[in-house]
């Protein structure tokens, strides 16, 4: 099963996932995180970077910069198709795959998008965040036959955290 969170910006989707992962420190996590950087000293100010979920160090450089939110909201699909594919292709005995987050920047990254969808077809638990969009890759992820999508709001996020935790724990116990 694939369990995705969606909702407005800054409502707490990634926070729910991080809270779950913090309470399950022994899980072996595959997949990716995308991180926005607004610190000029760490890389491109406004840059969006793809990082392996299993690493704790933040690396901001052109090899993993998938977009820029400040200078015209540019996307770099070739980085998804190189670095993103490299990350998603890592073969290990992961307990689950993290995809945080799937949005519009991947729309022209065909290799990355195809690999991502093929992972959703596999018998491994996938958790993640998907943009609240009704087109492209986000729509494909939300409509996937094995996906459950929980909409997060400020009012329901505590209840949704409990529901999310139960769903993931049930999947991991199978």
C-alpha atoms as a PDB file:
ATOM      1  CA  UNK A   1       0.000   0.000   0.000  1.00  0.00           C
ATOM      2  CA  UNK A   2       1.078   3.561  -0.721  1.00  0.00           C
ATOM      3  CA  UNK A   3       0.024   6.105   1.894  1.00  0.00           C
ATOM      4  CA  UNK A   4       0.237   9.747   0.861  1.00  0.00           C
ATOM      5  CA  UNK A   5      -0.589  12.986   2.592  1.00  0.00           C
ATOM      6  CA  UNK A   6      -1.862  16.016   0.713  1.00  0.00           C
ATOM      7  CA  UNK A   7      -3.124  19.465   1.659  1.00  0.00           C
ATOM      8  CA  UNK A   8      -2.296  23.134   1.710  1.00  0.00           C
ATOM      9  CA  UNK A   9       1.264  24.430   2.000  1.00  0.00           C
ATOM     10  CA  UNK A  10       2.718  24.403   5.539  1.00  0.00           C
ATOM     11  CA  UNK A  11      -0.227  22.514   7.052  1.00  0.00           C
ATOM     12  CA  UNK A  12       2.015  19.830   8.582  1.00  0.00           C
ATOM     13  CA  UNK A  13       2.225  17.006   6.042  1.00  0.00           C
ATOM     14  CA  UNK A  14       5.987  16.443   6.300  1.00  0.00           C
ATOM     15  CA  UNK A  15       5.793  17.060  10.042  1.00  0.00           C
ATOM     16  CA  UNK A  16       3.397  14.118  10.368  1.00  0.00           C
ATOM     17  CA  UNK A  17       5.775  11.884   8.432  1.00  0.00           C
ATOM     18  CA  UNK A  18       8.803  13.062  10.416  1.00  0.00           C
ATOM     19  CA  UNK A  19       6.949  12.523  13.699  1.00  0.00           C
ATOM     20  CA  UNK A  20       6.101   8.975  12.620  1.00  0.00           C
ATOM     21  CA  UNK A  21       9.689   8.257  11.561  1.00  0.00           C
ATOM     22  CA  UNK A  22      11.041   9.740  14.814  1.00  0.00           C
ATOM     23  CA  UNK A  23       8.870   7.323  16.805  1.00  0.00           C
ATOM     24  CA  UNK A  24      10.093   4.389  14.669  1.00  0.00           C
ATOM     25  CA  UNK A  25      13.877   4.918  14.629  1.00  0.00           C
ATOM     26  CA  UNK A  26      14.699   1.309  13.700  1.00  0.00           C
ATOM     27  CA  UNK A  27      12.970   1.444  10.325  1.00  0.00           C
ATOM     28  CA  UNK A  28      15.291   1.256   7.349  1.00  0.00           C
ATOM     29  CA  UNK A  29      14.114   4.045   5.041  1.00  0.00           C
ATOM     30  CA  UNK A  30      14.663   4.318   1.293  1.00  0.00           C
ATOM     31  CA  UNK A  31      13.469   6.994  -1.077  1.00  0.00           C
ATOM     32  CA  UNK A  32      13.918  10.749  -1.044  1.00  0.00           C
ATOM     33  CA  UNK A  33      13.172  14.077   0.538  1.00  0.00           C
ATOM     34  CA  UNK A  34      13.046  17.392  -1.255  1.00  0.00           C
ATOM     35  CA  UNK A  35      14.336  20.268   0.834  1.00  0.00           C
ATOM     36  CA  UNK A  36      13.979  23.987   0.129  1.00  0.00           C
ATOM     37  CA  UNK A  37      16.984  26.059   1.081  1.00  0.00           C
ATOM     38  CA  UNK A  38      16.632  29.716   1.958  1.00  0.00           C
ATOM     39  CA  UNK A  39      20.109  30.103   3.475  1.00  0.00           C
ATOM     40  CA  UNK A  40      22.547  31.811   1.079  1.00  0.00           C
ATOM     41  CA  UNK A  41      25.505  30.217   2.884  1.00  0.00           C
ATOM     42  CA  UNK A  42      24.373  26.642   2.180  1.00  0.00           C
ATOM     43  CA  UNK A  43      23.652  26.765  -1.543  1.00  0.00           C
ATOM     44  CA  UNK A  44      21.387  28.534  -3.979  1.00  0.00           C
ATOM     45  CA  UNK A  45      19.015  30.705  -1.974  1.00  0.00           C
ATOM     46  CA  UNK A  46      15.549  29.434  -2.840  1.00  0.00           C
ATOM     47  CA  UNK A  47      16.930  26.217  -4.273  1.00  0.00           C
ATOM     48  CA  UNK A  48      15.037  22.948  -4.000  1.00  0.00           C
ATOM     49  CA  UNK A  49      17.191  19.864  -3.533  1.00  0.00           C
ATOM     50  CA  UNK A  50      16.584  16.125  -3.654  1.00  0.00           C
ATOM     51  CA  UNK A  51      18.294  14.126  -0.911  1.00  0.00           C
ATOM     52  CA  UNK A  52      18.351  10.417  -0.039  1.00  0.00           C
ATOM     53  CA  UNK A  53      15.940   9.702   2.812  1.00  0.00           C
ATOM     54  CA  UNK A  54      18.523   7.572   4.615  1.00  0.00           C
ATOM     55  CA  UNK A  55      21.090  10.370   4.935  1.00  0.00           C
ATOM     56  CA  UNK A  56      20.999  12.967   7.686  1.00  0.00           C
ATOM     57  CA  UNK A  57      23.448  15.429   6.138  1.00  0.00           C
ATOM     58  CA  UNK A  58      22.191  18.275   4.003  1.00  0.00           C
ATOM     59  CA  UNK A  59      24.061  18.672   0.739  1.00  0.00           C
ATOM     60  CA  UNK A  60      23.094  21.590  -1.469  1.00  0.00           C
ATOM     61  CA  UNK A  61      24.825  21.763  -4.861  1.00  0.00           C
ATOM     62  CA  UNK A  62      24.060  21.689  -8.578  1.00  0.00           C
ATOM     63  CA  UNK A  63      24.166  17.862  -8.621  1.00  0.00           C
ATOM     64  CA  UNK A  64      21.008  17.609  -6.518  1.00  0.00           C
ATOM     65  CA  UNK A  65      19.260  20.926  -7.187  1.00  0.00           C
ATOM     66  CA  UNK A  66      15.922  20.056  -8.783  1.00  0.00           C
ATOM     67  CA  UNK A  67      14.477  23.553  -8.815  1.00  0.00           C
ATOM     68  CA  UNK A  68      14.500  27.130  -7.654  1.00  0.00           C
ATOM     69  CA  UNK A  69      11.517  28.782  -5.993  1.00  0.00           C
ATOM     70  CA  UNK A  70      12.802  32.347  -6.229  1.00  0.00           C
ATOM     71  CA  UNK A  71      14.078  32.947  -9.749  1.00  0.00           C
ATOM     72  CA  UNK A  72      10.963  32.240 -11.767  1.00  0.00           C
ATOM     73  CA  UNK A  73      10.122  28.915 -10.087  1.00  0.00           C
ATOM     74  CA  UNK A  74      12.374  26.918 -12.390  1.00  0.00           C
ATOM     75  CA  UNK A  75      12.534  23.133 -12.431  1.00  0.00           C
ATOM     76  CA  UNK A  76      15.532  21.049 -13.458  1.00  0.00           C
ATOM     77  CA  UNK A  77      14.030  17.757 -14.700  1.00  0.00           C
ATOM     78  CA  UNK A  78      17.433  16.448 -15.787  1.00  0.00           C
ATOM     79  CA  UNK A  79      18.509  16.389 -12.127  1.00  0.00           C
ATOM     80  CA  UNK A  80      15.438  14.329 -11.216  1.00  0.00           C
ATOM     81  CA  UNK A  81      16.305  11.997 -14.088  1.00  0.00           C
ATOM     82  CA  UNK A  82      19.889  11.598 -12.868  1.00  0.00           C
ATOM     83  CA  UNK A  83      20.043  12.082  -9.090  1.00  0.00           C
ATOM     84  CA  UNK A  84      16.418  11.179  -8.410  1.00  0.00           C
ATOM     85  CA  UNK A  85      16.675   7.966 -10.428  1.00  0.00           C
ATOM     86  CA  UNK A  86      19.951   7.145  -8.654  1.00  0.00           C
ATOM     87  CA  UNK A  87      18.264   7.562  -5.258  1.00  0.00           C
ATOM     88  CA  UNK A  88      15.122   5.593  -6.170  1.00  0.00           C
ATOM     89  CA  UNK A  89      17.193   2.829  -7.788  1.00  0.00           C
ATOM     90  CA  UNK A  90      19.129   2.033  -4.626  1.00  0.00           C
ATOM     91  CA  UNK A  91      18.539  -1.608  -3.862  1.00  0.00           C
ATOM     92  CA  UNK A  92      18.530  -2.387  -0.186  1.00  0.00           C
ATOM     93  CA  UNK A  93      16.303  -4.158   2.267  1.00  0.00           C
ATOM     94  CA  UNK A  94      14.261  -1.076   3.069  1.00  0.00           C
ATOM     95  CA  UNK A  95      11.289  -1.375   5.396  1.00  0.00           C
ATOM     96  CA  UNK A  96       9.562   1.427   3.539  1.00  0.00           C
ATOM     97  CA  UNK A  97      10.124   4.018   0.838  1.00  0.00           C
ATOM     98  CA  UNK A  98       9.692   7.734   1.538  1.00  0.00           C
ATOM     99  CA  UNK A  99       8.636  10.127  -1.239  1.00  0.00           C
ATOM    100  CA  UNK A 100       8.515  13.625   0.250  1.00  0.00           C
ATOM    101  CA  UNK A 101       7.353  15.373  -1.858  1.00  0.00           C
ATOM    102  CA  UNK A 102       5.879  14.784  -5.289  1.00  0.00           C
ATOM    103  CA  UNK A 103       4.822  17.899  -7.180  1.00  0.00           C
ATOM    104  CA  UNK A 104       4.999  19.826 -10.421  1.00  0.00           C
ATOM    105  CA  UNK A 105       8.804  20.042 -10.734  1.00  0.00           C
ATOM    106  CA  UNK A 106       8.981  16.389 -11.793  1.00  0.00           C
ATOM    107  CA  UNK A 107       6.522  16.824 -14.672  1.00  0.00           C
ATOM    108  CA  UNK A 108       9.165  16.721 -17.419  1.00  0.00           C
ATOM    109  CA  UNK A 109      11.404  14.166 -15.688  1.00  0.00           C
ATOM    110  CA  UNK A 110      10.145  11.104 -17.549  1.00  0.00           C
ATOM    111  CA  UNK A 111      12.681   8.560 -16.258  1.00  0.00           C
ATOM    112  CA  UNK A 112      12.135   9.651 -12.654  1.00  0.00           C
ATOM    113  CA  UNK A 113       8.341   9.697 -13.024  1.00  0.00           C
ATOM    114  CA  UNK A 114       8.244   6.249 -14.635  1.00  0.00           C
ATOM    115  CA  UNK A 115      10.493   4.746 -11.943  1.00  0.00           C
ATOM    116  CA  UNK A 116       8.428   6.369  -9.191  1.00  0.00           C
ATOM    117  CA  UNK A 117       5.193   4.880 -10.563  1.00  0.00           C
ATOM    118  CA  UNK A 118       6.836   1.465 -10.957  1.00  0.00           C
ATOM    119  CA  UNK A 119       7.808   1.549  -7.259  1.00  0.00           C
ATOM    120  CA  UNK A 120       4.170   2.225  -6.343  1.00  0.00           C
ATOM    121  CA  UNK A 121       3.347  -1.071  -8.105  1.00  0.00           C
ATOM    122  CA  UNK A 122       5.749  -3.082  -5.925  1.00  0.00           C
ATOM    123  CA  UNK A 123       5.049  -4.932  -2.718  1.00  0.00           C
ATOM    124  CA  UNK A 124       6.705  -2.391  -0.407  1.00  0.00           C
ATOM    125  CA  UNK A 125       5.138   0.243   1.799  1.00  0.00           C
ATOM    126  CA  UNK A 126       5.495   3.749   0.369  1.00  0.00           C
ATOM    127  CA  UNK A 127       4.733   6.853   2.407  1.00  0.00           C
ATOM    128  CA  UNK A 128       4.941  10.400   1.209  1.00  0.00           C
ATOM    129  CA  UNK A 129       3.564  13.797   0.433  1.00  0.00           C
ATOM    130  CA  UNK A 130       1.886  14.621  -2.848  1.00  0.00           C
ATOM    131  CA  UNK A 131       1.007  18.144  -3.943  1.00  0.00           C
ATOM    132  CA  UNK A 132      -2.663  19.019  -3.968  1.00  0.00           C
ATOM    133  CA  UNK A 133      -2.804  19.160  -7.781  1.00  0.00           C
ATOM    134  CA  UNK A 134      -5.141  17.498 -10.220  1.00  0.00           C
ATOM    135  CA  UNK A 135      -2.777  16.950 -13.117  1.00  0.00           C
ATOM    136  CA  UNK A 136       0.489  15.256 -14.048  1.00  0.00           C
ATOM    137  CA  UNK A 137       2.466  13.062 -11.684  1.00  0.00           C
ATOM    138  CA  UNK A 138       0.600  14.141  -8.511  1.00  0.00           C
ATOM    139  CA  UNK A 139      -2.692  13.014 -10.057  1.00  0.00           C
ATOM    140  CA  UNK A 140      -1.134   9.722 -11.230  1.00  0.00           C
ATOM    141  CA  UNK A 141       0.125   9.057  -7.693  1.00  0.00           C
ATOM    142  CA  UNK A 142      -3.209   9.927  -6.076  1.00  0.00           C
ATOM    143  CA  UNK A 143      -5.135   7.770  -8.566  1.00  0.00           C
ATOM    144  CA  UNK A 144      -2.795   4.774  -8.316  1.00  0.00           C
ATOM    145  CA  UNK A 145      -4.736   1.615  -7.510  1.00  0.00           C
ATOM    146  CA  UNK A 146      -2.654   0.952  -4.382  1.00  0.00           C
ATOM    147  CA  UNK A 147      -2.637   4.521  -3.019  1.00  0.00           C
ATOM    148  CA  UNK A 148      -4.504   5.873  -0.025  1.00  0.00           C
ATOM    149  CA  UNK A 149      -4.496   9.667   0.195  1.00  0.00           C
ATOM    150  CA  UNK A 150      -5.212  11.529   3.420  1.00  0.00           C
ATOM    151  CA  UNK A 151      -5.978  15.234   3.183  1.00  0.00           C
ATOM    152  CA  UNK A 152      -4.387  17.201   6.018  1.00  0.00           C
ATOM    153  CA  UNK A 153      -5.833  20.413   7.423  1.00  0.00           C
ATOM    154  CA  UNK A 154      -4.973  22.402  10.529  1.00  0.00           C
ATOM    155  CA  UNK A 155      -8.192  21.114  12.098  1.00  0.00           C
ATOM    156  CA  UNK A 156      -7.676  17.401  11.386  1.00  0.00           C
ATOM    157  CA  UNK A 157      -3.898  16.919  11.449  1.00  0.00           C
ATOM    158  CA  UNK A 158      -3.768  15.308  14.911  1.00  0.00           C
ATOM    159  CA  UNK A 159      -6.497  12.810  14.011  1.00  0.00           C
ATOM    160  CA  UNK A 160      -4.868  12.218  10.618  1.00  0.00           C
ATOM    161  CA  UNK A 161      -1.533  11.534  12.327  1.00  0.00           C
ATOM    162  CA  UNK A 162      -3.184   8.736  14.319  1.00  0.00           C
ATOM    163  CA  UNK A 163      -4.877   7.374  11.184  1.00  0.00           C
ATOM    164  CA  UNK A 164      -1.622   7.600   9.182  1.00  0.00           C
ATOM    165  CA  UNK A 165       0.320   5.813  11.935  1.00  0.00           C
ATOM    166  CA  UNK A 166      -2.211   2.963  12.103  1.00  0.00           C
ATOM    167  CA  UNK A 167      -2.208   2.520   8.331  1.00  0.00           C
ATOM    168  CA  UNK A 168       1.591   2.425   8.096  1.00  0.00           C
ATOM    169  CA  UNK A 169       2.042   0.157  11.117  1.00  0.00           C
ATOM    170  CA  UNK A 170      -0.572  -2.266   9.734  1.00  0.00           C
ATOM    171  CA  UNK A 171       1.273  -2.363   6.403  1.00  0.00           C
ATOM    172  CA  UNK A 172       4.632  -2.947   8.041  1.00  0.00           C
ATOM    173  CA  UNK A 173       3.242  -5.867  10.083  1.00  0.00           C
ATOM    174  CA  UNK A 174       2.056  -7.780   7.003  1.00  0.00           C
END
